Amino acid sequence: MNRQRYYYKDFATGKQRWTRGRFVGWQGSTGPLNAIYAQFQRGRDSLFVPEYLLAPETRLAIAKATNE
């Protein structure tokens, strides 16, 4: 099963990273800078990425996935 790669910038190092987790949805405005978080399900755990750290291509992929 070939899953989409979602890219984001690592908060600590500033380097670009990726996940093949499944986009689940958005979490409310919490955490640093009162940001909205994208939630990705990765097997048994979840990854929460602030919206401002998502790569432009990831934002487009999420927009396409939510519009379908």
N, C-alpha and C. Protein backbone atom coordinates (compact mmCIF):
# COMPACT_ATOMS: atom_id res chain seq x y z
N MET A 1 0.84 -1.18 0.00
CA MET A 1 0.00 0.00 0.00
C MET A 1 0.89 1.24 0.00
N ASN A 2 0.79 2.05 -1.04
CA ASN A 2 1.60 3.24 -1.17
C ASN A 2 0.85 4.44 -0.60
N ARG A 3 1.35 4.97 0.51
CA ARG A 3 0.70 6.10 1.16
C ARG A 3 1.40 7.39 0.80
N GLN A 4 0.67 8.46 0.90
CA GLN A 4 1.16 9.81 0.65
C GLN A 4 2.17 10.22 1.73
N ARG A 5 3.20 10.93 1.33
CA ARG A 5 4.14 11.50 2.29
C ARG A 5 3.68 12.92 2.62
N TYR A 6 3.61 13.22 3.90
CA TYR A 6 3.26 14.56 4.36
C TYR A 6 4.51 15.18 4.97
N TYR A 7 4.91 16.35 4.47
CA TYR A 7 6.13 17.01 4.90
C TYR A 7 5.82 18.12 5.90
N TYR A 8 6.74 18.28 6.84
CA TYR A 8 6.63 19.34 7.84
C TYR A 8 8.03 19.72 8.30
N LYS A 9 8.15 20.88 8.93
CA LYS A 9 9.43 21.34 9.44
C LYS A 9 9.53 20.96 10.91
N ASP A 10 10.62 20.30 11.29
CA ASP A 10 10.85 19.89 12.67
C ASP A 10 11.01 21.14 13.55
N PHE A 11 10.28 21.18 14.65
CA PHE A 11 10.28 22.34 15.53
C PHE A 11 11.65 22.57 16.17
N ALA A 12 12.31 21.49 16.58
CA ALA A 12 13.58 21.61 17.31
C ALA A 12 14.77 21.88 16.39
N THR A 13 14.85 21.18 15.27
CA THR A 13 16.04 21.28 14.42
C THR A 13 15.84 22.20 13.21
N GLY A 14 14.61 22.44 12.81
CA GLY A 14 14.33 23.26 11.63
C GLY A 14 14.47 22.50 10.32
N LYS A 15 14.78 21.21 10.40
CA LYS A 15 14.93 20.39 9.19
C LYS A 15 13.57 19.88 8.72
N GLN A 16 13.49 19.61 7.41
CA GLN A 16 12.26 19.07 6.85
C GLN A 16 12.17 17.58 7.16
N ARG A 17 11.03 17.14 7.62
CA ARG A 17 10.77 15.74 7.92
C ARG A 17 9.48 15.35 7.21
N TRP A 18 9.19 14.05 7.23
CA TRP A 18 7.96 13.57 6.59
C TRP A 18 7.38 12.42 7.39
N THR A 19 6.11 12.18 7.17
CA THR A 19 5.41 11.05 7.76
C THR A 19 4.50 10.45 6.70
N ARG A 20 4.27 9.16 6.81
CA ARG A 20 3.30 8.49 5.94
C ARG A 20 2.02 8.19 6.70
N GLY A 21 1.88 8.81 7.84
CA GLY A 21 0.65 8.63 8.61
C GLY A 21 -0.55 9.13 7.84
N ARG A 22 -1.71 8.64 8.20
CA ARG A 22 -2.97 9.04 7.55
C ARG A 22 -3.48 10.32 8.20
N PHE A 23 -3.80 11.32 7.38
CA PHE A 23 -4.36 12.57 7.92
C PHE A 23 -5.73 12.28 8.49
N VAL A 24 -5.92 12.64 9.77
CA VAL A 24 -7.18 12.36 10.46
C VAL A 24 -8.06 13.59 10.52
N GLY A 25 -7.45 14.73 10.80
CA GLY A 25 -8.24 15.95 10.91
C GLY A 25 -7.47 17.04 11.62
N TRP A 26 -8.18 18.07 12.01
CA TRP A 26 -7.57 19.22 12.67
C TRP A 26 -7.97 19.23 14.14
N GLN A 27 -7.03 19.61 14.99
CA GLN A 27 -7.29 19.81 16.42
C GLN A 27 -7.40 21.30 16.68
N GLY A 28 -8.18 21.66 17.68
CA GLY A 28 -8.43 23.06 18.00
C GLY A 28 -7.21 23.87 18.35
N SER A 29 -7.43 25.13 18.56
CA SER A 29 -6.35 26.09 18.85
C SER A 29 -5.82 25.91 20.26
N THR A 30 -4.70 25.21 20.37
CA THR A 30 -4.06 24.99 21.66
C THR A 30 -2.55 25.01 21.48
N GLY A 31 -1.82 24.86 22.54
CA GLY A 31 -0.38 24.74 22.47
C GLY A 31 0.32 26.05 22.18
N PRO A 32 1.60 25.97 21.77
CA PRO A 32 2.37 27.18 21.50
C PRO A 32 1.71 28.05 20.42
N LEU A 33 1.68 29.31 20.66
CA LEU A 33 1.13 30.30 19.72
C LEU A 33 -0.35 30.09 19.41
N ASN A 34 -1.03 29.29 20.23
CA ASN A 34 -2.47 29.07 20.06
C ASN A 34 -2.79 28.60 18.63
N ALA A 35 -2.02 27.63 18.15
CA ALA A 35 -2.09 27.17 16.76
C ALA A 35 -3.09 26.02 16.59
N ILE A 36 -3.48 25.81 15.34
CA ILE A 36 -4.30 24.66 14.97
C ILE A 36 -3.35 23.55 14.54
N TYR A 37 -3.61 22.33 14.98
CA TYR A 37 -2.74 21.20 14.71
C TYR A 37 -3.36 20.21 13.73
N ALA A 38 -2.55 19.73 12.78
CA ALA A 38 -2.95 18.64 11.89
C ALA A 38 -2.62 17.34 12.60
N GLN A 39 -3.57 16.41 12.61
CA GLN A 39 -3.36 15.12 13.28
C GLN A 39 -3.16 14.03 12.23
N PHE A 40 -2.08 13.26 12.39
CA PHE A 40 -1.77 12.14 11.52
C PHE A 40 -1.74 10.87 12.35
N GLN A 41 -2.45 9.85 11.92
CA GLN A 41 -2.47 8.56 12.60
C GLN A 41 -1.38 7.68 12.01
N ARG A 42 -0.47 7.20 12.87
CA ARG A 42 0.67 6.40 12.43
C ARG A 42 0.66 5.08 13.20
N GLY A 43 -0.03 4.10 12.71
CA GLY A 43 -0.08 2.82 13.42
C GLY A 43 -0.76 2.96 14.76
N ARG A 44 0.01 2.84 15.83
CA ARG A 44 -0.56 2.93 17.17
C ARG A 44 -0.48 4.30 17.80
N ASP A 45 0.23 5.24 17.19
CA ASP A 45 0.36 6.56 17.78
C ASP A 45 -0.12 7.63 16.82
N SER A 46 -0.18 8.85 17.33
CA SER A 46 -0.60 10.00 16.53
C SER A 46 0.50 11.05 16.53
N LEU A 47 0.58 11.78 15.44
CA LEU A 47 1.52 12.88 15.31
C LEU A 47 0.71 14.16 15.14
N PHE A 48 1.01 15.16 15.95
CA PHE A 48 0.34 16.44 15.87
C PHE A 48 1.34 17.48 15.38
N VAL A 49 1.03 18.12 14.24
CA VAL A 49 1.94 19.10 13.64
C VAL A 49 1.20 20.44 13.57
N PRO A 50 1.80 21.51 14.14
CA PRO A 50 1.16 22.82 14.04
C PRO A 50 1.02 23.24 12.57
N GLU A 51 -0.06 23.91 12.27
CA GLU A 51 -0.34 24.32 10.89
C GLU A 51 0.80 25.15 10.30
N TYR A 52 1.43 25.99 11.11
CA TYR A 52 2.47 26.87 10.59
C TYR A 52 3.76 26.12 10.25
N LEU A 53 3.90 24.85 10.64
CA LEU A 53 5.08 24.05 10.30
C LEU A 53 4.86 23.11 9.12
N LEU A 54 3.64 23.06 8.58
CA LEU A 54 3.36 22.20 7.43
C LEU A 54 3.96 22.80 6.16
N ALA A 55 4.52 21.93 5.33
CA ALA A 55 5.07 22.37 4.05
C ALA A 55 3.92 22.74 3.10
N PRO A 56 4.17 23.65 2.15
CA PRO A 56 3.11 24.05 1.21
C PRO A 56 2.49 22.88 0.46
N GLU A 57 3.31 21.90 0.03
CA GLU A 57 2.75 20.75 -0.70
C GLU A 57 1.86 19.90 0.20
N THR A 58 2.16 19.87 1.49
CA THR A 58 1.33 19.12 2.43
C THR A 58 0.00 19.82 2.62
N ARG A 59 0.02 21.13 2.72
CA ARG A 59 -1.23 21.88 2.85
C ARG A 59 -2.14 21.65 1.65
N LEU A 60 -1.55 21.61 0.44
CA LEU A 60 -2.35 21.33 -0.76
C LEU A 60 -2.91 19.91 -0.74
N ALA A 61 -2.09 18.94 -0.32
CA ALA A 61 -2.55 17.55 -0.27
C ALA A 61 -3.68 17.38 0.73
N ILE A 62 -3.58 18.05 1.87
CA ILE A 62 -4.65 17.98 2.87
C ILE A 62 -5.91 18.64 2.34
N ALA A 63 -5.77 19.77 1.67
CA ALA A 63 -6.95 20.46 1.11
C ALA A 63 -7.64 19.57 0.08
N LYS A 64 -6.87 18.89 -0.77
CA LYS A 64 -7.46 17.97 -1.76
C LYS A 64 -8.17 16.82 -1.07
N ALA A 65 -7.55 16.26 -0.03
CA ALA A 65 -8.13 15.12 0.68
C ALA A 65 -9.43 15.50 1.39
N THR A 66 -9.49 16.69 1.95
CA THR A 66 -10.70 17.09 2.67
C THR A 66 -11.82 17.50 1.73
N ASN A 67 -11.49 17.92 0.50
CA ASN A 67 -12.52 18.32 -0.47
C ASN A 67 -13.13 17.14 -1.20
N GLU A 68 -12.47 15.99 -1.18
CA GLU A 68 -12.99 14.82 -1.90
C GLU A 68 -14.06 14.12 -1.12
